[in-house]
Amino acid sequence: MEVGLANFAKAFGTDSIRGPLISVTLWTFAFAFLSIFLFDLAVGKVGYWTVVTAIAYGLLGSGSIVSSLGTVG
């Protein structure tokens, strides 16, 4: 299994993949970000690291979707 930058080029260069990929990637980022942020808000611990962690989890989830494209079809 090869995972690399070629998957990103394929994902964003193919019209039939780009549209759905963008919506799924945005939803994945939003879900991860809001999960961390809303939990910290609920327990009263919102701070600088809340934002850093939420962005990191959002990017990790979104990146995993794009990198897994090479394993399909």
C-alpha atoms as a PDB file:
ATOM      1  CA  MET A   1       0.000   0.000   0.000  1.00  0.00           C
ATOM      2  CA  GLU A   2       1.433   3.345  -1.036  1.00  0.00           C
ATOM      3  CA  VAL A   3       0.394   6.526   0.686  1.00  0.00           C
ATOM      4  CA  GLY A   4       1.877   9.785  -0.510  1.00  0.00           C
ATOM      5  CA  LEU A   5       1.427  13.104  -2.234  1.00  0.00           C
ATOM      6  CA  ALA A   6       0.204  11.375  -5.399  1.00  0.00           C
ATOM      7  CA  ASN A   7      -3.032  10.616  -3.562  1.00  0.00           C
ATOM      8  CA  PHE A   8      -3.565  14.312  -2.859  1.00  0.00           C
ATOM      9  CA  ALA A   9      -2.948  15.173  -6.516  1.00  0.00           C
ATOM     10  CA  LYS A  10      -5.370  12.440  -7.616  1.00  0.00           C
ATOM     11  CA  ALA A  11      -8.003  13.530  -5.110  1.00  0.00           C
ATOM     12  CA  PHE A  12      -7.984  17.194  -5.996  1.00  0.00           C
ATOM     13  CA  GLY A  13      -7.283  16.702  -9.704  1.00  0.00           C
ATOM     14  CA  THR A  14     -10.189  14.384 -10.512  1.00  0.00           C
ATOM     15  CA  ASP A  15     -13.526  16.187 -10.850  1.00  0.00           C
ATOM     16  CA  SER A  16     -15.637  13.205  -9.819  1.00  0.00           C
ATOM     17  CA  ILE A  17     -13.704  12.882  -6.555  1.00  0.00           C
ATOM     18  CA  ARG A  18     -13.086  16.545  -5.745  1.00  0.00           C
ATOM     19  CA  GLY A  19     -16.692  17.609  -5.049  1.00  0.00           C
ATOM     20  CA  PRO A  20     -17.628  14.852  -2.604  1.00  0.00           C
ATOM     21  CA  LEU A  21     -14.147  14.902  -1.089  1.00  0.00           C
ATOM     22  CA  ILE A  22     -14.355  18.570  -0.212  1.00  0.00           C
ATOM     23  CA  SER A  23     -17.715  18.178   1.536  1.00  0.00           C
ATOM     24  CA  VAL A  24     -16.608  15.055   3.432  1.00  0.00           C
ATOM     25  CA  THR A  25     -13.314  16.671   4.399  1.00  0.00           C
ATOM     26  CA  LEU A  26     -15.041  19.812   5.678  1.00  0.00           C
ATOM     27  CA  TRP A  27     -17.552  17.763   7.656  1.00  0.00           C
ATOM     28  CA  THR A  28     -14.765  15.616   9.159  1.00  0.00           C
ATOM     29  CA  PHE A  29     -12.774  18.695  10.152  1.00  0.00           C
ATOM     30  CA  ALA A  30     -15.848  20.390  11.638  1.00  0.00           C
ATOM     31  CA  PHE A  31     -16.849  17.278  13.593  1.00  0.00           C
ATOM     32  CA  ALA A  32     -13.366  16.795  15.049  1.00  0.00           C
ATOM     33  CA  PHE A  33     -12.943  20.490  15.848  1.00  0.00           C
ATOM     34  CA  LEU A  34     -16.373  20.856  17.433  1.00  0.00           C
ATOM     35  CA  SER A  35     -16.013  17.639  19.449  1.00  0.00           C
ATOM     36  CA  ILE A  36     -12.907  18.957  21.184  1.00  0.00           C
ATOM     37  CA  PHE A  37     -14.125  22.530  21.491  1.00  0.00           C
ATOM     38  CA  LEU A  38     -17.586  21.700  22.841  1.00  0.00           C
ATOM     39  CA  PHE A  39     -16.204  19.193  25.349  1.00  0.00           C
ATOM     40  CA  ASP A  40     -13.742  21.757  26.698  1.00  0.00           C
ATOM     41  CA  LEU A  41     -16.531  24.326  26.779  1.00  0.00           C
ATOM     42  CA  ALA A  42     -18.779  21.938  28.726  1.00  0.00           C
ATOM     43  CA  VAL A  43     -16.127  21.262  31.364  1.00  0.00           C
ATOM     44  CA  GLY A  44     -15.075  24.921  31.514  1.00  0.00           C
ATOM     45  CA  LYS A  45     -11.512  24.438  30.309  1.00  0.00           C
ATOM     46  CA  VAL A  46     -11.425  26.368  27.016  1.00  0.00           C
ATOM     47  CA  GLY A  47      -8.027  27.854  26.318  1.00  0.00           C
ATOM     48  CA  TYR A  48      -5.184  28.084  23.855  1.00  0.00           C
ATOM     49  CA  TRP A  49      -4.608  24.319  23.812  1.00  0.00           C
ATOM     50  CA  THR A  50      -8.275  23.731  23.062  1.00  0.00           C
ATOM     51  CA  VAL A  51      -7.844  25.457  19.722  1.00  0.00           C
ATOM     52  CA  VAL A  52      -4.483  23.799  19.001  1.00  0.00           C
ATOM     53  CA  THR A  53      -5.830  20.327  19.813  1.00  0.00           C
ATOM     54  CA  ALA A  54      -9.078  20.875  17.914  1.00  0.00           C
ATOM     55  CA  ILE A  55      -7.228  22.004  14.785  1.00  0.00           C
ATOM     56  CA  ALA A  56      -4.768  19.091  15.075  1.00  0.00           C
ATOM     57  CA  TYR A  57      -7.586  16.534  15.321  1.00  0.00           C
ATOM     58  CA  GLY A  58      -9.427  18.196  12.456  1.00  0.00           C
ATOM     59  CA  LEU A  59      -6.368  18.045  10.211  1.00  0.00           C
ATOM     60  CA  LEU A  60      -5.605  14.478  11.243  1.00  0.00           C
ATOM     61  CA  GLY A  61      -9.108  13.302  10.382  1.00  0.00           C
ATOM     62  CA  SER A  62      -9.210  15.203   7.111  1.00  0.00           C
ATOM     63  CA  GLY A  63      -5.749  13.996   6.120  1.00  0.00           C
ATOM     64  CA  SER A  64      -6.671  10.398   6.794  1.00  0.00           C
ATOM     65  CA  ILE A  65      -9.550  10.626   4.329  1.00  0.00           C
ATOM     66  CA  VAL A  66      -7.349  11.960   1.550  1.00  0.00           C
ATOM     67  CA  SER A  67      -4.476   9.576   2.223  1.00  0.00           C
ATOM     68  CA  SER A  68      -6.798   6.570   2.125  1.00  0.00           C
ATOM     69  CA  LEU A  69      -7.831   7.327  -1.478  1.00  0.00           C
ATOM     70  CA  GLY A  70      -4.887   5.335  -2.785  1.00  0.00           C
ATOM     71  CA  THR A  71      -6.296   2.179  -1.197  1.00  0.00           C
ATOM     72  CA  VAL A  72      -9.610   2.425  -3.052  1.00  0.00           C
ATOM     73  CA  GLY A  73     -10.008   1.341  -6.664  1.00  0.00           C
END
